[in-house]
Amino acid sequence: MAKLRQKNPRAVRQAEEVRGLEHLHMDVAVNFSQGALLSPHLHNVCAEAVDAIFARQEDVRFWLEQGVDSSVFEALPKASEQAELPRCGQVGDRAKPCVCRYGLSLAWYPCMLKYCHSRDRPTPYKCGIRSCQKSYSFDFYVPQRQLCLWDEDPPG
């Protein structure tokens, strides 16, 4: 298979497809000391976030089916209990628990092959890579507001 290369790798890219916002509720904490069972990269990538590594319940189910020991995970307050908690941006007291939100936007990433049509060829051929944009919003429990200082409600 031929390699696909960018014609102008220094160009500022615009996504051809916007894939919208995906809202994820992170309801399980990951034990950092046993995190290598999930990924060998966890210790390097998350070294500064030892007490703040989160996952979704459906991810935990997948890992448990793969044979990962359940001691790697720690349940956070149930979703129903967290629903009663305010967002951290609405909490004044830095010692109070709240639900923290972290947003991430991938402005451009390669998401699929692009096929082109030509009069000379009867079938479409691979001619590049289609680019996409995607945003994520992660909500997770923090026992103290001071652990989520970036989550501020916009002044209104």
Protein backbone atom coordinates (compact mmCIF):
# COMPACT_ATOMS: atom_id res chain seq x y z
CA MET A 1 0.00 0.00 0.00
CA ALA A 2 1.33 3.43 -0.89
CA LYS A 3 1.96 5.89 1.91
CA LEU A 4 -0.18 9.01 2.03
CA ARG A 5 1.79 12.18 2.64
CA GLN A 6 0.68 15.73 3.23
CA LYS A 7 1.52 17.99 0.31
CA ASN A 8 2.11 20.96 2.61
CA PRO A 9 2.78 19.80 6.19
CA ARG A 10 3.25 23.38 7.51
CA ALA A 11 -0.17 24.58 6.34
CA VAL A 12 -2.79 25.51 8.93
CA ARG A 13 -5.55 22.95 8.50
CA GLN A 14 -9.29 23.43 8.62
CA ALA A 15 -11.44 20.45 9.50
CA GLU A 16 -13.64 19.23 6.67
CA GLU A 17 -16.12 17.65 9.08
CA VAL A 18 -17.26 18.85 12.52
CA ARG A 19 -18.19 15.93 14.73
CA GLY A 20 -19.76 17.95 17.53
CA LEU A 21 -19.48 17.88 21.32
CA GLU A 22 -19.38 14.61 23.26
CA HIS A 23 -20.25 14.92 26.94
CA LEU A 24 -18.59 12.26 29.14
CA HIS A 25 -19.27 11.63 32.82
CA MET A 26 -16.19 10.19 34.52
CA ASP A 27 -17.62 8.25 37.46
CA VAL A 28 -14.72 5.99 38.53
CA ALA A 29 -11.26 6.86 39.90
CA VAL A 30 -8.18 4.92 38.74
CA ASN A 31 -5.57 3.78 41.28
CA PHE A 32 -2.36 5.34 39.93
CA SER A 33 -0.06 2.75 41.55
CA GLN A 34 -1.78 -0.02 39.56
CA GLY A 35 -2.45 2.02 36.43
CA ALA A 36 0.18 0.17 34.38
CA LEU A 37 -2.35 -2.68 34.17
CA LEU A 38 -4.44 -0.39 31.93
CA SER A 39 -1.64 1.19 29.91
CA PRO A 40 2.16 1.23 30.14
CA HIS A 41 2.00 4.97 29.34
CA LEU A 42 -0.16 5.95 32.33
CA HIS A 43 2.79 6.58 34.67
CA ASN A 44 4.44 9.00 32.22
CA VAL A 45 1.33 10.77 30.96
CA CYS A 46 -0.44 11.09 34.32
CA ALA A 47 2.55 11.50 36.69
CA GLU A 48 1.35 14.93 37.87
CA ALA A 49 -2.25 13.76 38.35
CA VAL A 50 -1.66 10.86 40.75
CA ASP A 51 -4.94 11.42 42.65
CA ALA A 52 -7.00 12.63 39.71
CA ILE A 53 -7.22 9.92 37.06
CA PHE A 54 -10.78 9.12 36.06
CA ALA A 55 -12.63 6.70 33.78
CA ARG A 56 -16.19 5.96 32.73
CA GLN A 57 -18.13 3.00 34.08
CA GLU A 58 -18.36 1.48 30.57
CA ASP A 59 -14.55 1.67 30.24
CA VAL A 60 -14.19 -0.13 33.58
CA ARG A 61 -16.55 -2.89 32.40
CA PHE A 62 -14.39 -3.36 29.30
CA TRP A 63 -11.17 -3.59 31.34
CA LEU A 64 -12.74 -6.02 33.81
CA GLU A 65 -13.80 -8.25 30.89
CA GLN A 66 -10.16 -8.15 29.71
CA GLY A 67 -9.07 -9.53 33.10
CA VAL A 68 -7.90 -6.34 34.86
CA ASP A 69 -8.26 -6.65 38.64
CA SER A 70 -11.07 -4.57 40.15
CA SER A 71 -8.69 -3.12 42.78
CA VAL A 72 -7.39 -0.78 40.04
CA PHE A 73 -10.67 1.15 40.26
CA GLU A 74 -12.32 3.12 43.04
CA ALA A 75 -15.97 4.06 42.92
CA LEU A 76 -16.77 7.74 43.25
CA PRO A 77 -20.07 8.98 44.70
CA LYS A 78 -22.98 7.58 42.67
CA ALA A 79 -24.31 9.59 39.75
CA SER A 80 -27.52 10.29 41.68
CA GLU A 81 -25.48 11.74 44.57
CA GLN A 82 -23.32 13.74 42.17
CA ALA A 83 -26.41 15.12 40.43
CA GLU A 84 -27.21 16.96 43.66
CA LEU A 85 -23.77 18.59 43.71
CA PRO A 86 -23.27 21.95 42.01
CA ARG A 87 -20.75 22.55 39.25
CA CYS A 88 -17.47 23.80 40.69
CA GLY A 89 -17.83 27.14 38.92
CA GLN A 90 -20.89 27.82 41.10
CA VAL A 91 -19.24 26.96 44.44
CA GLY A 92 -17.64 29.72 46.49
CA ASP A 93 -16.18 27.63 49.33
CA ARG A 94 -12.97 25.95 48.12
CA ALA A 95 -13.32 23.14 50.69
CA LYS A 96 -16.72 21.92 49.39
CA PRO A 97 -17.19 18.98 46.98
CA CYS A 98 -18.48 19.67 43.48
CA VAL A 99 -18.61 18.40 39.90
CA CYS A 100 -15.68 19.64 37.85
CA ARG A 101 -15.82 20.11 34.08
CA TYR A 102 -12.85 19.96 31.75
CA GLY A 103 -13.23 20.79 28.07
CA LEU A 104 -11.02 19.58 25.25
CA SER A 105 -11.27 20.48 21.58
CA LEU A 106 -9.35 18.78 18.79
CA ALA A 107 -9.39 21.42 16.07
CA TRP A 108 -8.02 19.07 13.41
CA TYR A 109 -7.23 15.38 13.27
CA PRO A 110 -7.08 12.80 10.47
CA CYS A 111 -10.28 10.75 10.71
CA MET A 112 -10.64 8.68 7.52
CA LEU A 113 -9.35 8.13 4.02
CA LYS A 114 -10.53 10.46 1.27
CA TYR A 115 -11.54 8.93 -2.05
CA CYS A 116 -11.48 10.79 -5.35
CA HIS A 117 -13.19 10.17 -8.68
CA SER A 118 -11.60 10.50 -12.08
CA ARG A 119 -12.80 10.15 -15.67
CA ASP A 120 -9.76 7.96 -16.34
CA ARG A 121 -10.61 5.44 -13.60
CA PRO A 122 -13.84 3.48 -13.27
CA THR A 123 -13.63 3.26 -9.45
CA PRO A 124 -12.76 5.81 -6.76
CA TYR A 125 -9.15 5.85 -5.57
CA LYS A 126 -7.43 6.89 -2.32
CA CYS A 127 -6.23 10.44 -2.68
CA GLY A 128 -5.78 11.80 0.81
CA ILE A 129 -6.98 11.90 4.36
CA ARG A 130 -10.22 13.50 5.50
CA SER A 131 -9.89 15.80 8.53
CA CYS A 132 -12.34 16.16 11.40
CA GLN A 133 -12.92 18.37 14.42
CA LYS A 134 -14.22 16.99 17.74
CA SER A 135 -14.90 18.46 21.18
CA TYR A 136 -15.22 16.69 24.50
CA SER A 137 -16.57 17.75 27.87
CA PHE A 138 -15.51 15.67 30.87
CA ASP A 139 -17.42 15.91 34.18
CA PHE A 140 -15.97 14.35 37.33
CA TYR A 141 -16.36 14.52 41.11
CA VAL A 142 -13.82 16.42 43.21
CA PRO A 143 -13.93 16.34 47.04
CA GLN A 144 -12.84 20.01 47.23
CA ARG A 145 -13.49 22.97 44.94
CA GLN A 146 -9.79 23.91 45.13
CA LEU A 147 -8.98 20.83 43.01
CA CYS A 148 -10.85 22.37 40.06
CA LEU A 149 -9.83 26.01 39.86
CA TRP A 150 -10.12 26.21 36.04
CA ASP A 151 -13.87 25.49 36.01
CA GLU A 152 -15.30 28.98 36.15
CA ASP A 153 -18.76 29.99 35.00
CA PRO A 154 -18.56 32.85 32.52
CA PRO A 155 -19.62 36.20 34.00
CA GLY A 156 -23.17 36.93 33.12
